[in-house]
């Protein structure tokens, strides 16, 4: 049985609102393509933890220990609600949670001499009937890593997103990115039975469920600073701009302002020159005296 891809919602209004506001919580298994579940981001809890590890050594004659930095671990606690207004949505929600729980388990392969062995010797022995009684051996083939994504608050901002924020609004985030890589260390599913269930075919489907899990981040790009004090990532953890990006966009904005000023000045000079030309064309002409003409008042 393969794991289906569960999209956001069958409700067009909810889907439209979630897509317009980027209020989509997406969890994707890294074992196989297409193992994706999407929820409406009805978050009830979102907390971040950055834990630095230091190796301390106490030496004689020194009050403070000598501390050597080892690394910083990043973990996230996430909680959200899943609600349904009808039996169809309740069935879909329970199917999504079924798929989500399956993301906590690894993938296996069967080591069978008759099916997967490329060893010529084993194949020959199998043909000779020496391994006919041997059963298949199952071994773990992949660890259950996942990617979690919610706008800029849960995203791979260090490696960059499709479109960064702007200088005018440095905390905006319009890019989609591809989510944070890591593993779920604990998942809790709590049906809110006090709100009731839908029933169909002798089965119960809760109208509302509360989901929470702990997520441990595996950095795909090393966070930190280089020797010049510049941030190594494309952006910071929550999708804000780096100093380098802000400086670059400020320079681009200044260049656009200068170019616009030059164009405005050129347009003003062109309009002024055209106005002067029009005034010359409209200037009245006065008759000039001609020596050949004889005045009637002359004797």
C-alpha atoms as a PDB file:
ATOM      1  CA  UNK A   1       0.000   0.000   0.000  1.00  0.00           C
ATOM      2  CA  UNK A   2       1.517   3.294  -1.102  1.00  0.00           C
ATOM      3  CA  UNK A   3       1.198   6.552   0.789  1.00  0.00           C
ATOM      4  CA  UNK A   4      -1.097   9.013  -1.047  1.00  0.00           C
ATOM      5  CA  UNK A   5      -0.405  12.717  -1.334  1.00  0.00           C
ATOM      6  CA  UNK A   6      -2.872  14.683   0.795  1.00  0.00           C
ATOM      7  CA  UNK A   7      -3.376  18.183  -0.532  1.00  0.00           C
ATOM      8  CA  UNK A   8      -4.638  21.140   1.442  1.00  0.00           C
ATOM      9  CA  UNK A   9      -8.430  20.914   1.462  1.00  0.00           C
ATOM     10  CA  UNK A  10     -11.411  20.008  -0.670  1.00  0.00           C
ATOM     11  CA  UNK A  11     -13.124  23.211   0.483  1.00  0.00           C
ATOM     12  CA  UNK A  12     -12.513  25.841  -2.196  1.00  0.00           C
ATOM     13  CA  UNK A  13     -12.972  28.808   0.180  1.00  0.00           C
ATOM     14  CA  UNK A  14     -10.552  27.469   2.800  1.00  0.00           C
ATOM     15  CA  UNK A  15      -8.034  26.512   0.140  1.00  0.00           C
ATOM     16  CA  UNK A  16      -8.235  29.931  -1.516  1.00  0.00           C
ATOM     17  CA  UNK A  17      -7.727  31.755   1.793  1.00  0.00           C
ATOM     18  CA  UNK A  18      -4.823  29.543   2.857  1.00  0.00           C
ATOM     19  CA  UNK A  19      -3.046  29.936  -0.468  1.00  0.00           C
ATOM     20  CA  UNK A  20      -3.619  33.707  -0.541  1.00  0.00           C
ATOM     21  CA  UNK A  21      -2.121  34.142   2.955  1.00  0.00           C
ATOM     22  CA  UNK A  22       0.456  31.334   2.721  1.00  0.00           C
ATOM     23  CA  UNK A  23      -1.175  29.712   5.767  1.00  0.00           C
ATOM     24  CA  UNK A  24      -0.246  26.171   4.790  1.00  0.00           C
ATOM     25  CA  UNK A  25       1.563  23.678   6.987  1.00  0.00           C
ATOM     26  CA  UNK A  26       3.308  21.096   4.816  1.00  0.00           C
ATOM     27  CA  UNK A  27       5.109  17.973   6.005  1.00  0.00           C
ATOM     28  CA  UNK A  28       6.995  15.883   3.476  1.00  0.00           C
ATOM     29  CA  UNK A  29       8.714  12.529   3.911  1.00  0.00           C
ATOM     30  CA  UNK A  30      12.207  12.385   2.422  1.00  0.00           C
ATOM     31  CA  UNK A  31      12.093   8.633   1.833  1.00  0.00           C
ATOM     32  CA  UNK A  32      10.006   8.757  -1.330  1.00  0.00           C
ATOM     33  CA  UNK A  33       8.672  11.404  -3.677  1.00  0.00           C
ATOM     34  CA  UNK A  34       5.038  12.320  -3.325  1.00  0.00           C
ATOM     35  CA  UNK A  35       4.699  11.472   0.379  1.00  0.00           C
ATOM     36  CA  UNK A  36       3.269  14.851   1.377  1.00  0.00           C
ATOM     37  CA  UNK A  37       0.535  16.023   3.721  1.00  0.00           C
ATOM     38  CA  UNK A  38      -0.788  19.570   3.895  1.00  0.00           C
ATOM     39  CA  UNK A  39      -2.831  21.085   6.712  1.00  0.00           C
ATOM     40  CA  UNK A  40      -4.548  24.409   7.219  1.00  0.00           C
ATOM     41  CA  UNK A  41      -2.167  26.232   9.553  1.00  0.00           C
ATOM     42  CA  UNK A  42      -4.387  26.463  12.646  1.00  0.00           C
ATOM     43  CA  UNK A  43      -1.357  26.676  14.916  1.00  0.00           C
ATOM     44  CA  UNK A  44      -1.772  26.491  18.675  1.00  0.00           C
ATOM     45  CA  UNK A  45       1.907  26.349  19.634  1.00  0.00           C
ATOM     46  CA  UNK A  46       5.168  27.259  17.969  1.00  0.00           C
ATOM     47  CA  UNK A  47       8.339  27.542  20.025  1.00  0.00           C
ATOM     48  CA  UNK A  48      12.000  27.467  19.058  1.00  0.00           C
ATOM     49  CA  UNK A  49      14.956  26.261  21.075  1.00  0.00           C
ATOM     50  CA  UNK A  50      18.603  27.001  20.324  1.00  0.00           C
ATOM     51  CA  UNK A  51      20.839  24.981  22.644  1.00  0.00           C
ATOM     52  CA  UNK A  52      24.587  25.581  22.494  1.00  0.00           C
ATOM     53  CA  UNK A  53      26.965  22.884  23.679  1.00  0.00           C
ATOM     54  CA  UNK A  54      30.268  23.853  25.343  1.00  0.00           C
ATOM     55  CA  UNK A  55      33.039  21.633  26.597  1.00  0.00           C
ATOM     56  CA  UNK A  56      34.230  23.056  29.913  1.00  0.00           C
ATOM     57  CA  UNK A  57      37.517  22.268  31.601  1.00  0.00           C
ATOM     58  CA  UNK A  58      38.350  23.477  35.086  1.00  0.00           C
ATOM     59  CA  UNK A  59      42.056  24.270  35.595  1.00  0.00           C
ATOM     60  CA  UNK A  60      44.045  25.010  38.736  1.00  0.00           C
ATOM     61  CA  UNK A  61      44.269  28.656  39.761  1.00  0.00           C
ATOM     62  CA  UNK A  62      41.431  29.849  37.526  1.00  0.00           C
ATOM     63  CA  UNK A  63      37.954  30.614  38.806  1.00  0.00           C
ATOM     64  CA  UNK A  64      36.228  30.247  35.467  1.00  0.00           C
ATOM     65  CA  UNK A  65      36.503  27.098  33.362  1.00  0.00           C
ATOM     66  CA  UNK A  66      37.987  27.107  29.878  1.00  0.00           C
ATOM     67  CA  UNK A  67      35.026  26.685  27.542  1.00  0.00           C
ATOM     68  CA  UNK A  68      35.361  25.282  24.030  1.00  0.00           C
ATOM     69  CA  UNK A  69      32.386  25.654  21.726  1.00  0.00           C
ATOM     70  CA  UNK A  70      31.119  22.475  20.069  1.00  0.00           C
ATOM     71  CA  UNK A  71      27.865  23.329  18.335  1.00  0.00           C
ATOM     72  CA  UNK A  72      24.323  24.674  18.527  1.00  0.00           C
ATOM     73  CA  UNK A  73      21.319  22.401  18.285  1.00  0.00           C
ATOM     74  CA  UNK A  74      18.062  23.783  16.956  1.00  0.00           C
ATOM     75  CA  UNK A  75      14.719  22.237  17.840  1.00  0.00           C
ATOM     76  CA  UNK A  76      11.112  23.295  17.334  1.00  0.00           C
ATOM     77  CA  UNK A  77       7.911  22.459  19.189  1.00  0.00           C
ATOM     78  CA  UNK A  78       4.824  22.672  17.012  1.00  0.00           C
ATOM     79  CA  UNK A  79       1.137  22.264  17.797  1.00  0.00           C
ATOM     80  CA  UNK A  80      -1.916  22.698  15.598  1.00  0.00           C
ATOM     81  CA  UNK A  81      -5.598  21.767  15.381  1.00  0.00           C
ATOM     82  CA  UNK A  82      -7.341  19.866  12.616  1.00  0.00           C
ATOM     83  CA  UNK A  83     -11.095  20.422  12.336  1.00  0.00           C
ATOM     84  CA  UNK A  84     -13.831  19.129  10.065  1.00  0.00           C
ATOM     85  CA  UNK A  85     -17.245  20.520   9.192  1.00  0.00           C
ATOM     86  CA  UNK A  86     -18.581  17.339   7.593  1.00  0.00           C
ATOM     87  CA  UNK A  87     -17.927  13.626   7.325  1.00  0.00           C
ATOM     88  CA  UNK A  88     -15.845  13.992   4.178  1.00  0.00           C
ATOM     89  CA  UNK A  89     -13.438  16.447   5.781  1.00  0.00           C
ATOM     90  CA  UNK A  90     -13.224  14.285   8.905  1.00  0.00           C
ATOM     91  CA  UNK A  91     -12.271  11.230   6.844  1.00  0.00           C
ATOM     92  CA  UNK A  92      -9.697  13.257   4.931  1.00  0.00           C
ATOM     93  CA  UNK A  93      -8.187  14.664   8.136  1.00  0.00           C
ATOM     94  CA  UNK A  94      -7.841  11.224   9.695  1.00  0.00           C
ATOM     95  CA  UNK A  95      -6.203   9.989   6.507  1.00  0.00           C
ATOM     96  CA  UNK A  96      -3.705  12.855   6.686  1.00  0.00           C
ATOM     97  CA  UNK A  97      -2.839  11.992  10.284  1.00  0.00           C
ATOM     98  CA  UNK A  98      -2.449   8.343   9.300  1.00  0.00           C
ATOM     99  CA  UNK A  99       0.056   9.402   6.655  1.00  0.00           C
ATOM    100  CA  UNK A 100       1.832  11.749   9.078  1.00  0.00           C
ATOM    101  CA  UNK A 101       2.312   9.013  11.673  1.00  0.00           C
ATOM    102  CA  UNK A 102       3.740   6.738   8.993  1.00  0.00           C
ATOM    103  CA  UNK A 103       6.451   9.360   8.346  1.00  0.00           C
ATOM    104  CA  UNK A 104       8.019   8.385  11.692  1.00  0.00           C
ATOM    105  CA  UNK A 105       8.943   4.927  10.429  1.00  0.00           C
ATOM    106  CA  UNK A 106      11.861   3.935   8.174  1.00  0.00           C
ATOM    107  CA  UNK A 107      11.865   2.086   4.878  1.00  0.00           C
ATOM    108  CA  UNK A 108      12.966  -1.549   4.538  1.00  0.00           C
ATOM    109  CA  UNK A 109      14.215  -3.798   1.809  1.00  0.00           C
ATOM    110  CA  UNK A 110      14.094  -7.545   1.504  1.00  0.00           C
ATOM    111  CA  UNK A 111      17.427  -9.260   0.989  1.00  0.00           C
ATOM    112  CA  UNK A 112      16.300 -12.313  -0.938  1.00  0.00           C
ATOM    113  CA  UNK A 113      18.798 -14.386  -2.925  1.00  0.00           C
ATOM    114  CA  UNK A 114      16.137 -15.246  -5.445  1.00  0.00           C
ATOM    115  CA  UNK A 115      15.026 -11.641  -6.031  1.00  0.00           C
ATOM    116  CA  UNK A 116      17.691  -9.064  -5.183  1.00  0.00           C
ATOM    117  CA  UNK A 117      21.000 -10.855  -5.302  1.00  0.00           C
ATOM    118  CA  UNK A 118      23.298  -9.902  -8.110  1.00  0.00           C
ATOM    119  CA  UNK A 119      25.922 -12.320  -6.841  1.00  0.00           C
ATOM    120  CA  UNK A 120      26.707 -14.948  -9.493  1.00  0.00           C
ATOM    121  CA  UNK A 121      27.854 -17.455  -6.908  1.00  0.00           C
ATOM    122  CA  UNK A 122      24.623 -17.168  -4.913  1.00  0.00           C
ATOM    123  CA  UNK A 123      22.572 -17.422  -8.090  1.00  0.00           C
ATOM    124  CA  UNK A 124      24.438 -20.560  -9.066  1.00  0.00           C
ATOM    125  CA  UNK A 125      23.958 -22.050  -5.613  1.00  0.00           C
ATOM    126  CA  UNK A 126      20.293 -21.150  -5.744  1.00  0.00           C
ATOM    127  CA  UNK A 127      19.949 -22.930  -9.062  1.00  0.00           C
ATOM    128  CA  UNK A 128      21.616 -25.944  -7.523  1.00  0.00           C
ATOM    129  CA  UNK A 129      18.975 -25.965  -4.804  1.00  0.00           C
ATOM    130  CA  UNK A 130      21.360 -25.298  -1.926  1.00  0.00           C
ATOM    131  CA  UNK A 131      19.544 -22.121  -0.788  1.00  0.00           C
ATOM    132  CA  UNK A 132      15.965 -23.055  -1.547  1.00  0.00           C
ATOM    133  CA  UNK A 133      15.065 -23.147   2.135  1.00  0.00           C
ATOM    134  CA  UNK A 134      16.544 -19.727   2.922  1.00  0.00           C
ATOM    135  CA  UNK A 135      13.994 -17.036   3.830  1.00  0.00           C
ATOM    136  CA  UNK A 136      14.185 -13.341   2.915  1.00  0.00           C
ATOM    137  CA  UNK A 137      15.987 -11.016   5.336  1.00  0.00           C
ATOM    138  CA  UNK A 138      14.566  -7.523   5.861  1.00  0.00           C
ATOM    139  CA  UNK A 139      16.935  -4.668   6.647  1.00  0.00           C
ATOM    140  CA  UNK A 140      16.461  -0.931   7.199  1.00  0.00           C
ATOM    141  CA  UNK A 141      17.116   1.003   4.014  1.00  0.00           C
ATOM    142  CA  UNK A 142      16.253   4.636   4.898  1.00  0.00           C
ATOM    143  CA  UNK A 143      15.806   6.829   7.958  1.00  0.00           C
ATOM    144  CA  UNK A 144      12.511   8.703   8.384  1.00  0.00           C
ATOM    145  CA  UNK A 145      13.686  12.261   7.749  1.00  0.00           C
ATOM    146  CA  UNK A 146      11.048  14.857   6.929  1.00  0.00           C
ATOM    147  CA  UNK A 147      10.781  18.444   5.793  1.00  0.00           C
ATOM    148  CA  UNK A 148       8.415  20.853   7.535  1.00  0.00           C
ATOM    149  CA  UNK A 149       7.322  24.127   5.969  1.00  0.00           C
ATOM    150  CA  UNK A 150       5.148  27.023   7.137  1.00  0.00           C
ATOM    151  CA  UNK A 151       5.696  30.362   5.382  1.00  0.00           C
ATOM    152  CA  UNK A 152       8.886  32.023   6.682  1.00  0.00           C
ATOM    153  CA  UNK A 153       8.540  30.703  10.257  1.00  0.00           C
ATOM    154  CA  UNK A 154       9.357  27.124   9.286  1.00  0.00           C
ATOM    155  CA  UNK A 155      11.486  27.186   6.183  1.00  0.00           C
ATOM    156  CA  UNK A 156      14.972  26.691   4.842  1.00  0.00           C
ATOM    157  CA  UNK A 157      15.724  30.406   5.008  1.00  0.00           C
ATOM    158  CA  UNK A 158      19.477  29.867   5.375  1.00  0.00           C
ATOM    159  CA  UNK A 159      19.715  28.452   1.868  1.00  0.00           C
ATOM    160  CA  UNK A 160      17.393  31.090   0.490  1.00  0.00           C
ATOM    161  CA  UNK A 161      13.856  31.156  -0.855  1.00  0.00           C
ATOM    162  CA  UNK A 162      12.305  31.956  -4.192  1.00  0.00           C
ATOM    163  CA  UNK A 163      11.927  35.664  -3.437  1.00  0.00           C
ATOM    164  CA  UNK A 164      13.448  37.585  -0.559  1.00  0.00           C
ATOM    165  CA  UNK A 165      11.803  40.347   1.378  1.00  0.00           C
ATOM    166  CA  UNK A 166      12.138  43.987   0.361  1.00  0.00           C
ATOM    167  CA  UNK A 167      13.988  46.851   1.970  1.00  0.00           C
ATOM    168  CA  UNK A 168      10.696  48.646   2.608  1.00  0.00           C
ATOM    169  CA  UNK A 169       9.373  45.578   4.469  1.00  0.00           C
ATOM    170  CA  UNK A 170      12.366  43.504   5.619  1.00  0.00           C
ATOM    171  CA  UNK A 171      10.187  41.100   7.592  1.00  0.00           C
ATOM    172  CA  UNK A 172       8.007  40.109   4.656  1.00  0.00           C
ATOM    173  CA  UNK A 173       8.565  36.760   3.006  1.00  0.00           C
ATOM    174  CA  UNK A 174       6.962  35.857  -0.271  1.00  0.00           C
ATOM    175  CA  UNK A 175       9.174  32.961  -1.274  1.00  0.00           C
ATOM    176  CA  UNK A 176       8.133  29.365  -0.873  1.00  0.00           C
ATOM    177  CA  UNK A 177      11.449  27.671  -0.125  1.00  0.00           C
ATOM    178  CA  UNK A 178      11.466  23.914   0.386  1.00  0.00           C
ATOM    179  CA  UNK A 179      11.082  23.533   4.161  1.00  0.00           C
ATOM    180  CA  UNK A 180      13.280  22.623   7.103  1.00  0.00           C
ATOM    181  CA  UNK A 181      15.011  19.256   7.071  1.00  0.00           C
ATOM    182  CA  UNK A 182      15.043  17.198  10.267  1.00  0.00           C
ATOM    183  CA  UNK A 183      13.392  14.408  12.211  1.00  0.00           C
ATOM    184  CA  UNK A 184      10.363  14.190  14.476  1.00  0.00           C
ATOM    185  CA  UNK A 185      11.281  12.901  17.925  1.00  0.00           C
ATOM    186  CA  UNK A 186       7.760  12.716  19.330  1.00  0.00           C
ATOM    187  CA  UNK A 187       4.261  12.974  17.877  1.00  0.00           C
ATOM    188  CA  UNK A 188       1.041  13.309  19.898  1.00  0.00           C
ATOM    189  CA  UNK A 189      -2.440  12.930  18.407  1.00  0.00           C
ATOM    190  CA  UNK A 190      -5.287  13.997  20.707  1.00  0.00           C
ATOM    191  CA  UNK A 191      -8.849  13.591  19.359  1.00  0.00           C
ATOM    192  CA  UNK A 192     -11.196  16.131  20.945  1.00  0.00           C
ATOM    193  CA  UNK A 193     -13.943  13.678  21.709  1.00  0.00           C
ATOM    194  CA  UNK A 194     -15.935  16.227  23.703  1.00  0.00           C
ATOM    195  CA  UNK A 195     -16.777  17.836  20.340  1.00  0.00           C
ATOM    196  CA  UNK A 196     -18.164  14.571  18.993  1.00  0.00           C
ATOM    197  CA  UNK A 197     -17.436  12.392  15.977  1.00  0.00           C
ATOM    198  CA  UNK A 198     -18.913  11.640  12.587  1.00  0.00           C
ATOM    199  CA  UNK A 199     -19.890   8.012  11.979  1.00  0.00           C
ATOM    200  CA  UNK A 200     -19.916   6.047   8.748  1.00  0.00           C
ATOM    201  CA  UNK A 201     -19.753   2.295   8.099  1.00  0.00           C
ATOM    202  CA  UNK A 202     -19.411   1.569  11.803  1.00  0.00           C
ATOM    203  CA  UNK A 203     -16.340   3.827  12.021  1.00  0.00           C
ATOM    204  CA  UNK A 204     -15.856   7.037  14.019  1.00  0.00           C
ATOM    205  CA  UNK A 205     -14.117  10.127  12.631  1.00  0.00           C
ATOM    206  CA  UNK A 206     -13.372  12.913  15.164  1.00  0.00           C
ATOM    207  CA  UNK A 207     -14.644  16.364  14.318  1.00  0.00           C
ATOM    208  CA  UNK A 208     -11.501  17.931  15.750  1.00  0.00           C
ATOM    209  CA  UNK A 209      -8.022  16.710  16.637  1.00  0.00           C
ATOM    210  CA  UNK A 210      -5.065  18.343  18.333  1.00  0.00           C
ATOM    211  CA  UNK A 211      -1.620  17.468  16.922  1.00  0.00           C
ATOM    212  CA  UNK A 212       1.763  18.281  18.428  1.00  0.00           C
ATOM    213  CA  UNK A 213       5.318  17.124  17.786  1.00  0.00           C
ATOM    214  CA  UNK A 214       8.934  17.966  18.494  1.00  0.00           C
ATOM    215  CA  UNK A 215      11.088  18.620  15.460  1.00  0.00           C
ATOM    216  CA  UNK A 216      14.902  18.506  15.439  1.00  0.00           C
ATOM    217  CA  UNK A 217      16.454  20.581  12.663  1.00  0.00           C
ATOM    218  CA  UNK A 218      19.328  19.301  10.520  1.00  0.00           C
ATOM    219  CA  UNK A 219      21.034  22.309   8.946  1.00  0.00           C
ATOM    220  CA  UNK A 220      21.586  21.928   5.212  1.00  0.00           C
ATOM    221  CA  UNK A 221      23.821  24.986   5.261  1.00  0.00           C
ATOM    222  CA  UNK A 222      26.230  25.831   8.057  1.00  0.00           C
ATOM    223  CA  UNK A 223      24.994  28.907   9.948  1.00  0.00           C
ATOM    224  CA  UNK A 224      27.480  31.451  11.216  1.00  0.00           C
ATOM    225  CA  UNK A 225      29.705  34.312  10.074  1.00  0.00           C
ATOM    226  CA  UNK A 226      32.744  34.492   7.846  1.00  0.00           C
ATOM    227  CA  UNK A 227      35.998  36.261   8.708  1.00  0.00           C
ATOM    228  CA  UNK A 228      34.593  39.579   7.428  1.00  0.00           C
ATOM    229  CA  UNK A 229      31.561  39.430   9.713  1.00  0.00           C
ATOM    230  CA  UNK A 230      29.081  38.552   6.962  1.00  0.00           C
ATOM    231  CA  UNK A 231      26.310  36.042   7.587  1.00  0.00           C
ATOM    232  CA  UNK A 232      26.958  32.822   5.698  1.00  0.00           C
ATOM    233  CA  UNK A 233      23.317  32.065   4.938  1.00  0.00           C
ATOM    234  CA  UNK A 234      21.116  33.610   2.304  1.00  0.00           C
ATOM    235  CA  UNK A 235      18.839  34.849   5.057  1.00  0.00           C
ATOM    236  CA  UNK A 236      18.389  34.513   8.810  1.00  0.00           C
ATOM    237  CA  UNK A 237      16.402  31.801  10.582  1.00  0.00           C
ATOM    238  CA  UNK A 238      13.049  33.582  10.404  1.00  0.00           C
ATOM    239  CA  UNK A 239      13.372  34.909   6.863  1.00  0.00           C
ATOM    240  CA  UNK A 240      14.656  38.402   7.586  1.00  0.00           C
ATOM    241  CA  UNK A 241      17.191  39.983   5.288  1.00  0.00           C
ATOM    242  CA  UNK A 242      20.939  39.873   5.739  1.00  0.00           C
ATOM    243  CA  UNK A 243      22.990  43.068   5.866  1.00  0.00           C
ATOM    244  CA  UNK A 244      24.524  42.237   2.491  1.00  0.00           C
ATOM    245  CA  UNK A 245      21.142  41.834   0.830  1.00  0.00           C
ATOM    246  CA  UNK A 246      19.844  45.055   2.377  1.00  0.00           C
ATOM    247  CA  UNK A 247      22.911  46.958   1.170  1.00  0.00           C
ATOM    248  CA  UNK A 248      22.548  45.521  -2.333  1.00  0.00           C
ATOM    249  CA  UNK A 249      18.861  46.402  -2.521  1.00  0.00           C
ATOM    250  CA  UNK A 250      19.501  49.898  -1.126  1.00  0.00           C
ATOM    251  CA  UNK A 251      22.111  50.449  -3.838  1.00  0.00           C
ATOM    252  CA  UNK A 252      19.677  49.246  -6.470  1.00  0.00           C
ATOM    253  CA  UNK A 253      16.950  51.517  -5.082  1.00  0.00           C
ATOM    254  CA  UNK A 254      19.357  54.487  -5.093  1.00  0.00           C
ATOM    255  CA  UNK A 255      20.385  53.770  -8.679  1.00  0.00           C
ATOM    256  CA  UNK A 256      16.733  53.609  -9.723  1.00  0.00           C
ATOM    257  CA  UNK A 257      16.052  56.932  -7.959  1.00  0.00           C
ATOM    258  CA  UNK A 258      18.974  58.604  -9.742  1.00  0.00           C
ATOM    259  CA  UNK A 259      17.844  57.217 -13.082  1.00  0.00           C
ATOM    260  CA  UNK A 260      14.305  58.441 -12.467  1.00  0.00           C
ATOM    261  CA  UNK A 261      15.613  61.901 -11.520  1.00  0.00           C
ATOM    262  CA  UNK A 262      17.650  62.101 -14.743  1.00  0.00           C
ATOM    263  CA  UNK A 263      14.626  61.052 -16.802  1.00  0.00           C
ATOM    264  CA  UNK A 264      12.443  63.656 -15.089  1.00  0.00           C
ATOM    265  CA  UNK A 265      15.048  66.377 -15.731  1.00  0.00           C
ATOM    266  CA  UNK A 266      15.294  65.407 -19.408  1.00  0.00           C
ATOM    267  CA  UNK A 267      11.522  65.429 -19.756  1.00  0.00           C
ATOM    268  CA  UNK A 268      11.363  68.869 -18.117  1.00  0.00           C
ATOM    269  CA  UNK A 269      13.998  70.310 -20.483  1.00  0.00           C
ATOM    270  CA  UNK A 270      12.258  68.805 -23.500  1.00  0.00           C
ATOM    271  CA  UNK A 271       8.917  70.269 -22.451  1.00  0.00           C
ATOM    272  CA  UNK A 272      10.507  73.699 -21.818  1.00  0.00           C
ATOM    273  CA  UNK A 273      12.156  73.710 -25.240  1.00  0.00           C
ATOM    274  CA  UNK A 274       8.905  72.733 -26.887  1.00  0.00           C
ATOM    275  CA  UNK A 275       7.049  75.533 -25.098  1.00  0.00           C
ATOM    276  CA  UNK A 276       9.577  78.136 -26.304  1.00  0.00           C
ATOM    277  CA  UNK A 277       9.225  76.894 -29.853  1.00  0.00           C
ATOM    278  CA  UNK A 278       5.453  77.211 -29.652  1.00  0.00           C
ATOM    279  CA  UNK A 279       5.715  80.815 -28.395  1.00  0.00           C
ATOM    280  CA  UNK A 280       7.923  81.734 -31.350  1.00  0.00           C
ATOM    281  CA  UNK A 281       5.430  80.217 -33.733  1.00  0.00           C
ATOM    282  CA  UNK A 282       2.539  82.181 -32.223  1.00  0.00           C
ATOM    283  CA  UNK A 283       4.318  85.620 -32.163  1.00  0.00           C
ATOM    284  CA  UNK A 284       2.278  88.127 -34.315  1.00  0.00           C
ATOM    285  CA  UNK A 285       3.863  89.616 -37.432  1.00  0.00           C
ATOM    286  CA  UNK A 286       3.755  93.421 -37.922  1.00  0.00           C
ATOM    287  CA  UNK A 287       3.883  95.037 -41.411  1.00  0.00           C
ATOM    288  CA  UNK A 288       7.194  96.533 -42.431  1.00  0.00           C
ATOM    289  CA  UNK A 289       7.685  99.762 -44.402  1.00  0.00           C
ATOM    290  CA  UNK A 290       8.458  99.530 -48.106  1.00  0.00           C
ATOM    291  CA  UNK A 291      10.345 102.409 -49.790  1.00  0.00           C
ATOM    292  CA  UNK A 292       8.540 101.816 -53.072  1.00  0.00           C
ATOM    293  CA  UNK A 293       5.176 102.561 -51.531  1.00  0.00           C
ATOM    294  CA  UNK A 294       4.026 106.178 -51.745  1.00  0.00           C
ATOM    295  CA  UNK A 295       2.246 107.616 -48.783  1.00  0.00           C
ATOM    296  CA  UNK A 296      -1.019 109.415 -49.661  1.00  0.00           C
ATOM    297  CA  UNK A 297      -0.083 112.148 -47.258  1.00  0.00           C
ATOM    298  CA  UNK A 298       3.026 113.117 -49.176  1.00  0.00           C
ATOM    299  CA  UNK A 299       2.728 116.217 -51.386  1.00  0.00           C
END
